[in-house]
Amino acid sequence: MHLDWTALGQVAAVSTGVTVAVVVVFALGVLGLAQLEGARDQQGRTSGLSQAALCFLACAAVVAYGIFLIVPQFH
């Protein structure tokens, strides 16, 4: 049995990188919602809602792509 350790390392590195990126984008979405709540008190900015929507949409797209890769009926 032969293991391709380089390929295993690449898969682990990409998986870790994508996981960290999705968590950061989701955190930015939560930050956008927090800014929206703060803006309601100040009667001002509504850019927090668009920031949150874009971040959550990006996270949903990554999850949907992962499901597409895993489920063989989608191919």
N, C-alpha and C. Protein backbone atom coordinates (compact mmCIF):
# COMPACT_ATOMS: atom_id res chain seq x y z
N MET A 1 0.85 -1.18 0.00
CA MET A 1 0.00 0.00 0.00
C MET A 1 0.89 1.24 0.00
N HIS A 2 0.57 2.13 -0.90
CA HIS A 2 1.36 3.36 -1.02
C HIS A 2 0.44 4.56 -0.83
N LEU A 3 0.86 5.45 0.04
CA LEU A 3 0.10 6.68 0.28
C LEU A 3 0.82 7.85 -0.37
N ASP A 4 0.07 8.68 -1.05
CA ASP A 4 0.63 9.90 -1.63
C ASP A 4 0.51 11.00 -0.57
N TRP A 5 1.57 11.15 0.21
CA TRP A 5 1.54 12.08 1.34
C TRP A 5 1.44 13.53 0.88
N THR A 6 1.97 13.82 -0.29
CA THR A 6 1.87 15.19 -0.81
C THR A 6 0.42 15.55 -1.10
N ALA A 7 -0.30 14.64 -1.73
CA ALA A 7 -1.70 14.90 -2.03
C ALA A 7 -2.52 15.01 -0.75
N LEU A 8 -2.22 14.15 0.22
CA LEU A 8 -2.92 14.22 1.50
C LEU A 8 -2.67 15.56 2.19
N GLY A 9 -1.43 16.03 2.14
CA GLY A 9 -1.10 17.33 2.73
C GLY A 9 -1.80 18.47 2.02
N GLN A 10 -1.91 18.38 0.70
CA GLN A 10 -2.60 19.42 -0.06
C GLN A 10 -4.08 19.46 0.28
N VAL A 11 -4.69 18.29 0.38
CA VAL A 11 -6.12 18.23 0.73
C VAL A 11 -6.33 18.80 2.13
N ALA A 12 -5.47 18.46 3.06
CA ALA A 12 -5.60 18.97 4.43
C ALA A 12 -5.41 20.48 4.47
N ALA A 13 -4.44 20.99 3.71
CA ALA A 13 -4.19 22.43 3.71
C ALA A 13 -5.35 23.20 3.08
N VAL A 14 -5.87 22.71 1.96
CA VAL A 14 -6.99 23.39 1.31
C VAL A 14 -8.24 23.34 2.19
N SER A 15 -8.48 22.20 2.81
CA SER A 15 -9.64 22.07 3.69
C SER A 15 -9.55 23.03 4.87
N THR A 16 -8.39 23.12 5.47
CA THR A 16 -8.20 24.04 6.58
C THR A 16 -8.36 25.49 6.14
N GLY A 17 -7.78 25.83 5.00
CA GLY A 17 -7.89 27.19 4.48
C GLY A 17 -9.32 27.59 4.17
N VAL A 18 -10.06 26.71 3.52
CA VAL A 18 -11.45 27.02 3.18
C VAL A 18 -12.30 27.11 4.44
N THR A 19 -12.05 26.25 5.40
CA THR A 19 -12.80 26.30 6.65
C THR A 19 -12.58 27.62 7.37
N VAL A 20 -11.34 28.04 7.46
CA VAL A 20 -11.04 29.32 8.12
C VAL A 20 -11.68 30.48 7.34
N ALA A 21 -11.62 30.42 6.02
CA ALA A 21 -12.21 31.49 5.21
C ALA A 21 -13.72 31.57 5.40
N VAL A 22 -14.41 30.42 5.44
CA VAL A 22 -15.86 30.43 5.62
C VAL A 22 -16.21 30.96 7.01
N VAL A 23 -15.46 30.59 8.02
CA VAL A 23 -15.73 31.08 9.37
C VAL A 23 -15.52 32.60 9.43
N VAL A 24 -14.49 33.11 8.79
CA VAL A 24 -14.24 34.56 8.79
C VAL A 24 -15.36 35.29 8.05
N VAL A 25 -15.78 34.77 6.91
CA VAL A 25 -16.86 35.42 6.15
C VAL A 25 -18.17 35.39 6.95
N PHE A 26 -18.45 34.27 7.62
CA PHE A 26 -19.66 34.20 8.45
C PHE A 26 -19.58 35.19 9.60
N ALA A 27 -18.40 35.33 10.21
CA ALA A 27 -18.22 36.30 11.29
C ALA A 27 -18.43 37.73 10.79
N LEU A 28 -17.99 38.01 9.56
CA LEU A 28 -18.23 39.33 8.98
C LEU A 28 -19.72 39.57 8.75
N GLY A 29 -20.45 38.51 8.40
CA GLY A 29 -21.90 38.63 8.26
C GLY A 29 -22.57 38.94 9.59
N VAL A 30 -22.13 38.28 10.64
CA VAL A 30 -22.67 38.56 11.97
C VAL A 30 -22.32 39.99 12.39
N LEU A 31 -21.12 40.44 12.05
CA LEU A 31 -20.73 41.82 12.34
C LEU A 31 -21.63 42.81 11.60
N GLY A 32 -21.98 42.48 10.35
CA GLY A 32 -22.90 43.34 9.60
C GLY A 32 -24.26 43.43 10.26
N LEU A 33 -24.75 42.31 10.78
CA LEU A 33 -26.03 42.34 11.50
C LEU A 33 -25.92 43.16 12.78
N ALA A 34 -24.80 43.07 13.45
CA ALA A 34 -24.60 43.87 14.66
C ALA A 34 -24.55 45.36 14.33
N GLN A 35 -23.94 45.70 13.20
CA GLN A 35 -23.91 47.11 12.78
C GLN A 35 -25.31 47.59 12.43
N LEU A 36 -26.12 46.71 11.88
CA LEU A 36 -27.50 47.06 11.55
C LEU A 36 -28.27 47.38 12.83
N GLU A 37 -28.09 46.57 13.86
CA GLU A 37 -28.76 46.82 15.13
C GLU A 37 -28.29 48.15 15.74
N GLY A 38 -26.99 48.43 15.63
CA GLY A 38 -26.47 49.70 16.14
C GLY A 38 -26.96 50.88 15.33
N ALA A 39 -27.16 50.70 14.03
CA ALA A 39 -27.62 51.80 13.17
C ALA A 39 -29.08 52.13 13.44
N ARG A 40 -29.86 51.17 13.92
CA ARG A 40 -31.25 51.46 14.23
C ARG A 40 -31.36 52.48 15.36
N ASP A 41 -30.42 52.42 16.29
CA ASP A 41 -30.43 53.38 17.40
C ASP A 41 -29.99 54.76 16.93
N GLN A 42 -29.14 54.81 15.91
CA GLN A 42 -28.58 56.08 15.46
C GLN A 42 -29.30 56.65 14.24
N GLN A 43 -30.28 55.95 13.69
CA GLN A 43 -31.02 56.42 12.50
C GLN A 43 -30.06 56.73 11.36
N GLY A 44 -29.29 55.72 10.95
CA GLY A 44 -28.32 56.00 9.90
C GLY A 44 -28.12 54.85 8.94
N ARG A 45 -26.94 54.30 8.98
CA ARG A 45 -26.46 53.37 7.96
C ARG A 45 -27.27 52.08 7.91
N THR A 46 -27.50 51.63 6.68
CA THR A 46 -28.12 50.32 6.48
C THR A 46 -27.21 49.41 5.67
N SER A 47 -25.93 49.77 5.57
CA SER A 47 -25.01 48.94 4.80
C SER A 47 -24.71 47.63 5.51
N GLY A 48 -25.01 47.55 6.80
CA GLY A 48 -24.80 46.31 7.53
C GLY A 48 -25.65 45.18 7.00
N LEU A 49 -26.85 45.51 6.56
CA LEU A 49 -27.74 44.48 6.01
C LEU A 49 -27.19 43.92 4.70
N SER A 50 -26.70 44.77 3.84
CA SER A 50 -26.14 44.28 2.57
C SER A 50 -24.86 43.50 2.81
N GLN A 51 -24.04 43.93 3.76
CA GLN A 51 -22.83 43.20 4.11
C GLN A 51 -23.18 41.82 4.63
N ALA A 52 -24.15 41.75 5.52
CA ALA A 52 -24.56 40.46 6.09
C ALA A 52 -25.14 39.55 5.02
N ALA A 53 -25.96 40.10 4.15
CA ALA A 53 -26.58 39.29 3.10
C ALA A 53 -25.53 38.71 2.16
N LEU A 54 -24.56 39.51 1.75
CA LEU A 54 -23.51 39.02 0.86
C LEU A 54 -22.65 37.96 1.53
N CYS A 55 -22.33 38.17 2.79
CA CYS A 55 -21.50 37.20 3.51
C CYS A 55 -22.23 35.88 3.69
N PHE A 56 -23.50 35.94 4.08
CA PHE A 56 -24.26 34.71 4.28
C PHE A 56 -24.52 34.01 2.95
N LEU A 57 -24.70 34.78 1.88
CA LEU A 57 -24.87 34.18 0.56
C LEU A 57 -23.60 33.47 0.12
N ALA A 58 -22.45 34.06 0.41
CA ALA A 58 -21.18 33.41 0.08
C ALA A 58 -21.00 32.12 0.86
N CYS A 59 -21.36 32.13 2.14
CA CYS A 59 -21.27 30.90 2.95
C CYS A 59 -22.22 29.83 2.42
N ALA A 60 -23.41 30.22 2.04
CA ALA A 60 -24.37 29.26 1.50
C ALA A 60 -23.87 28.69 0.17
N ALA A 61 -23.22 29.51 -0.63
CA ALA A 61 -22.69 29.03 -1.91
C ALA A 61 -21.58 27.99 -1.69
N VAL A 62 -20.72 28.22 -0.71
CA VAL A 62 -19.66 27.27 -0.41
C VAL A 62 -20.24 25.95 0.09
N VAL A 63 -21.25 26.03 0.95
CA VAL A 63 -21.90 24.81 1.45
C VAL A 63 -22.59 24.07 0.31
N ALA A 64 -23.29 24.79 -0.55
CA ALA A 64 -23.97 24.15 -1.68
C ALA A 64 -22.97 23.49 -2.63
N TYR A 65 -21.83 24.12 -2.86
CA TYR A 65 -20.80 23.52 -3.72
C TYR A 65 -20.24 22.25 -3.08
N GLY A 66 -20.04 22.27 -1.77
CA GLY A 66 -19.57 21.08 -1.07
C GLY A 66 -20.56 19.94 -1.17
N ILE A 67 -21.84 20.24 -1.03
CA ILE A 67 -22.86 19.20 -1.17
C ILE A 67 -22.89 18.68 -2.60
N PHE A 68 -22.74 19.57 -3.57
CA PHE A 68 -22.68 19.16 -4.98
C PHE A 68 -21.52 18.19 -5.22
N LEU A 69 -20.38 18.45 -4.59
CA LEU A 69 -19.22 17.57 -4.78
C LEU A 69 -19.42 16.21 -4.12
N ILE A 70 -20.17 16.17 -3.01
CA ILE A 70 -20.31 14.93 -2.26
C ILE A 70 -21.40 14.03 -2.84
N VAL A 71 -22.53 14.59 -3.26
CA VAL A 71 -23.68 13.78 -3.69
C VAL A 71 -23.49 13.39 -5.16
N PRO A 72 -23.41 12.09 -5.45
CA PRO A 72 -23.15 11.67 -6.84
C PRO A 72 -24.33 11.89 -7.79
N GLN A 73 -25.55 12.00 -7.30
CA GLN A 73 -26.70 12.21 -8.18
C GLN A 73 -26.67 13.59 -8.83
N PHE A 74 -25.91 14.53 -8.30
CA PHE A 74 -25.86 15.88 -8.85
C PHE A 74 -24.87 15.99 -10.00
N HIS A 75 -24.13 14.95 -10.27
CA HIS A 75 -23.10 15.01 -11.32
C HIS A 75 -23.67 14.60 -12.64
